[in-house]
């Protein structure tokens, strides 16, 4: 785990150099780390497609529908 974090801290700034702002760099790093975590699951192509579809669906709700809000459990 430590090696992964170290690699992310070393490699991400080089890859993120095309981004302009700190926010863009942080979002790039977040995407990089999430992709690495998903890659570790060793999903099949069909499973990867399902993950991609779920990710896309969660970020762009259908027109006229409000996104679901998370509720806290009490």
N, C-alpha and C. Protein backbone atom coordinates (compact mmCIF):
# COMPACT_ATOMS: atom_id res chain seq x y z
N UNK A 1 0.83 -1.19 0.00
CA UNK A 1 0.00 0.00 0.00
C UNK A 1 0.87 1.25 0.00
N UNK A 2 1.92 1.23 0.82
CA UNK A 2 2.80 2.39 0.89
C UNK A 2 3.44 2.66 -0.46
N UNK A 3 3.84 1.60 -1.17
CA UNK A 3 4.45 1.80 -2.49
C UNK A 3 3.47 2.41 -3.47
N UNK A 4 2.20 2.03 -3.37
CA UNK A 4 1.18 2.59 -4.26
C UNK A 4 1.02 4.09 -4.02
N UNK A 5 0.94 4.47 -2.75
CA UNK A 5 0.79 5.89 -2.41
C UNK A 5 2.02 6.66 -2.85
N UNK A 6 3.19 6.10 -2.62
CA UNK A 6 4.42 6.76 -3.04
C UNK A 6 4.46 6.92 -4.55
N UNK A 7 4.08 5.88 -5.29
CA UNK A 7 4.06 5.96 -6.75
C UNK A 7 3.07 7.02 -7.22
N UNK A 8 1.90 7.08 -6.58
CA UNK A 8 0.90 8.08 -6.95
C UNK A 8 1.42 9.48 -6.70
N UNK A 9 2.12 9.67 -5.59
CA UNK A 9 2.65 11.00 -5.28
C UNK A 9 3.76 11.41 -6.23
N UNK A 10 4.51 10.44 -6.73
CA UNK A 10 5.62 10.75 -7.63
C UNK A 10 5.14 10.87 -9.07
N UNK A 11 4.29 9.94 -9.53
CA UNK A 11 3.89 9.90 -10.94
C UNK A 11 2.78 10.87 -11.29
N UNK A 12 1.84 11.06 -10.41
CA UNK A 12 0.69 11.90 -10.74
C UNK A 12 1.08 13.34 -11.06
N UNK A 13 1.99 13.97 -10.31
CA UNK A 13 2.34 15.34 -10.69
C UNK A 13 2.90 15.46 -12.10
N UNK A 14 3.66 14.48 -12.56
CA UNK A 14 4.19 14.53 -13.92
C UNK A 14 3.07 14.39 -14.94
N UNK A 15 2.17 13.45 -14.71
CA UNK A 15 1.06 13.24 -15.64
C UNK A 15 0.06 14.38 -15.59
N UNK A 16 -0.07 15.00 -14.44
CA UNK A 16 -1.06 16.07 -14.27
C UNK A 16 -0.51 17.43 -14.69
N UNK A 17 0.69 17.48 -15.20
CA UNK A 17 1.28 18.77 -15.54
C UNK A 17 0.52 19.49 -16.65
N UNK A 18 -0.28 18.77 -17.44
CA UNK A 18 -1.07 19.40 -18.49
C UNK A 18 -2.24 20.18 -17.90
N UNK A 19 -2.65 19.85 -16.68
CA UNK A 19 -3.73 20.58 -16.04
C UNK A 19 -3.19 21.92 -15.53
N UNK A 20 -4.07 22.90 -15.46
CA UNK A 20 -3.65 24.24 -15.13
C UNK A 20 -3.79 24.57 -13.64
N UNK A 21 -4.93 24.25 -13.05
CA UNK A 21 -5.20 24.67 -11.68
C UNK A 21 -4.96 23.54 -10.70
N UNK A 22 -4.90 23.90 -9.43
CA UNK A 22 -4.75 22.89 -8.38
C UNK A 22 -5.96 21.97 -8.35
N UNK A 23 -7.15 22.52 -8.60
CA UNK A 23 -8.35 21.71 -8.61
C UNK A 23 -8.27 20.66 -9.71
N UNK A 24 -7.83 21.04 -10.90
CA UNK A 24 -7.69 20.09 -12.00
C UNK A 24 -6.68 19.00 -11.65
N UNK A 25 -5.59 19.39 -11.01
CA UNK A 25 -4.57 18.42 -10.62
C UNK A 25 -5.13 17.44 -9.58
N UNK A 26 -5.89 17.97 -8.62
CA UNK A 26 -6.48 17.12 -7.59
C UNK A 26 -7.50 16.15 -8.18
N UNK A 27 -8.33 16.65 -9.09
CA UNK A 27 -9.32 15.79 -9.72
C UNK A 27 -8.65 14.72 -10.59
N UNK A 28 -7.59 15.09 -11.27
CA UNK A 28 -6.83 14.12 -12.06
C UNK A 28 -6.27 13.03 -11.15
N UNK A 29 -5.70 13.43 -10.03
CA UNK A 29 -5.14 12.47 -9.08
C UNK A 29 -6.22 11.55 -8.53
N UNK A 30 -7.39 12.10 -8.25
CA UNK A 30 -8.50 11.29 -7.77
C UNK A 30 -8.90 10.25 -8.81
N UNK A 31 -9.04 10.68 -10.06
CA UNK A 31 -9.37 9.74 -11.13
C UNK A 31 -8.32 8.67 -11.31
N UNK A 32 -7.07 9.06 -11.20
CA UNK A 32 -5.96 8.12 -11.34
C UNK A 32 -6.02 7.05 -10.25
N UNK A 33 -6.23 7.48 -9.02
CA UNK A 33 -6.27 6.54 -7.90
C UNK A 33 -7.49 5.63 -8.00
N UNK A 34 -8.64 6.19 -8.36
CA UNK A 34 -9.84 5.36 -8.52
C UNK A 34 -9.65 4.31 -9.61
N UNK A 35 -9.07 4.72 -10.72
CA UNK A 35 -8.83 3.77 -11.82
C UNK A 35 -7.88 2.66 -11.39
N UNK A 36 -6.86 3.00 -10.61
CA UNK A 36 -5.94 1.98 -10.12
C UNK A 36 -6.66 0.99 -9.21
N UNK A 37 -7.54 1.50 -8.35
CA UNK A 37 -8.30 0.62 -7.45
C UNK A 37 -9.21 -0.31 -8.25
N UNK A 38 -9.88 0.22 -9.25
CA UNK A 38 -10.76 -0.61 -10.07
C UNK A 38 -9.95 -1.64 -10.85
N UNK A 39 -8.79 -1.25 -11.33
CA UNK A 39 -7.92 -2.17 -12.07
C UNK A 39 -7.51 -3.36 -11.20
N UNK A 40 -7.32 -3.12 -9.90
CA UNK A 40 -6.92 -4.19 -8.98
C UNK A 40 -7.99 -5.27 -8.84
N UNK A 41 -9.23 -4.94 -9.19
CA UNK A 41 -10.32 -5.92 -9.10
C UNK A 41 -10.25 -6.97 -10.20
N UNK A 42 -9.44 -6.71 -11.24
CA UNK A 42 -9.27 -7.62 -12.37
C UNK A 42 -10.62 -8.02 -12.97
N UNK A 43 -11.40 -7.01 -13.34
CA UNK A 43 -12.72 -7.25 -13.92
C UNK A 43 -12.60 -7.67 -15.37
N UNK A 44 -13.61 -8.42 -15.82
CA UNK A 44 -13.68 -8.78 -17.24
C UNK A 44 -14.11 -7.54 -18.02
N UNK A 45 -14.03 -7.61 -19.34
CA UNK A 45 -14.45 -6.48 -20.18
C UNK A 45 -15.92 -6.13 -19.94
N UNK A 46 -16.76 -7.16 -19.82
CA UNK A 46 -18.19 -6.94 -19.57
C UNK A 46 -18.41 -6.26 -18.21
N UNK A 47 -17.66 -6.69 -17.21
CA UNK A 47 -17.78 -6.08 -15.89
C UNK A 47 -17.29 -4.64 -15.91
N UNK A 48 -16.19 -4.38 -16.63
CA UNK A 48 -15.68 -3.01 -16.75
C UNK A 48 -16.72 -2.11 -17.42
N UNK A 49 -17.40 -2.66 -18.43
CA UNK A 49 -18.42 -1.89 -19.13
C UNK A 49 -19.56 -1.52 -18.18
N UNK A 50 -19.96 -2.46 -17.32
CA UNK A 50 -21.01 -2.20 -16.35
C UNK A 50 -20.59 -1.11 -15.36
N UNK A 51 -19.35 -1.16 -14.92
CA UNK A 51 -18.83 -0.13 -14.01
C UNK A 51 -18.85 1.24 -14.70
N UNK A 52 -18.40 1.28 -15.95
CA UNK A 52 -18.41 2.53 -16.72
C UNK A 52 -19.82 3.08 -16.87
N UNK A 53 -20.76 2.20 -17.18
CA UNK A 53 -22.15 2.64 -17.35
C UNK A 53 -22.72 3.17 -16.04
N UNK A 54 -22.42 2.51 -14.96
CA UNK A 54 -22.90 2.98 -13.65
C UNK A 54 -22.30 4.31 -13.28
N UNK A 55 -21.02 4.49 -13.59
CA UNK A 55 -20.36 5.76 -13.31
C UNK A 55 -20.97 6.88 -14.13
N UNK A 56 -21.20 6.62 -15.40
CA UNK A 56 -21.80 7.63 -16.27
C UNK A 56 -23.22 7.97 -15.84
N UNK A 57 -23.98 6.95 -15.46
CA UNK A 57 -25.36 7.17 -15.06
C UNK A 57 -25.44 7.98 -13.77
N UNK A 58 -24.51 7.78 -12.87
CA UNK A 58 -24.56 8.50 -11.60
C UNK A 58 -24.19 9.96 -11.76
N UNK A 59 -23.40 10.28 -12.77
CA UNK A 59 -22.96 11.66 -12.93
C UNK A 59 -23.85 12.47 -13.85
N UNK A 60 -24.73 11.81 -14.60
CA UNK A 60 -25.63 12.55 -15.49
C UNK A 60 -27.02 11.92 -15.43
N UNK A 61 -27.86 12.39 -14.49
CA UNK A 61 -29.20 11.82 -14.37
C UNK A 61 -30.05 12.10 -15.60
N UNK A 62 -31.08 11.31 -15.76
CA UNK A 62 -31.99 11.49 -16.90
C UNK A 62 -32.61 12.88 -16.83
N UNK A 63 -32.90 13.47 -17.98
CA UNK A 63 -33.55 14.78 -17.97
C UNK A 63 -34.85 14.75 -17.19
N UNK A 64 -35.05 15.75 -16.36
CA UNK A 64 -36.28 15.84 -15.58
C UNK A 64 -36.24 15.07 -14.27
N UNK A 65 -35.20 14.29 -14.05
CA UNK A 65 -35.09 13.53 -12.80
C UNK A 65 -34.03 14.16 -11.93
N UNK A 66 -34.33 14.22 -10.66
CA UNK A 66 -33.34 14.74 -9.72
C UNK A 66 -32.45 13.60 -9.27
N UNK A 67 -31.17 13.88 -9.06
CA UNK A 67 -30.29 12.82 -8.56
C UNK A 67 -30.69 12.41 -7.15
N UNK A 68 -30.45 11.15 -6.84
CA UNK A 68 -30.77 10.65 -5.51
C UNK A 68 -29.87 11.30 -4.48
N UNK A 69 -30.44 11.57 -3.35
CA UNK A 69 -29.64 12.11 -2.25
C UNK A 69 -29.37 10.98 -1.27
N UNK A 70 -28.17 11.00 -0.75
CA UNK A 70 -27.82 10.02 0.24
C UNK A 70 -28.41 10.45 1.57
N UNK A 71 -28.97 9.52 2.28
CA UNK A 71 -29.52 9.84 3.60
C UNK A 71 -28.65 9.20 4.65
N UNK A 72 -28.57 9.88 5.75
CA UNK A 72 -27.78 9.34 6.85
C UNK A 72 -28.59 8.30 7.60
N UNK A 73 -27.91 7.24 7.99
CA UNK A 73 -28.59 6.27 8.84
C UNK A 73 -28.46 6.73 10.27
N UNK A 74 -29.51 6.61 11.00
CA UNK A 74 -29.50 7.09 12.40
C UNK A 74 -29.37 5.98 13.37
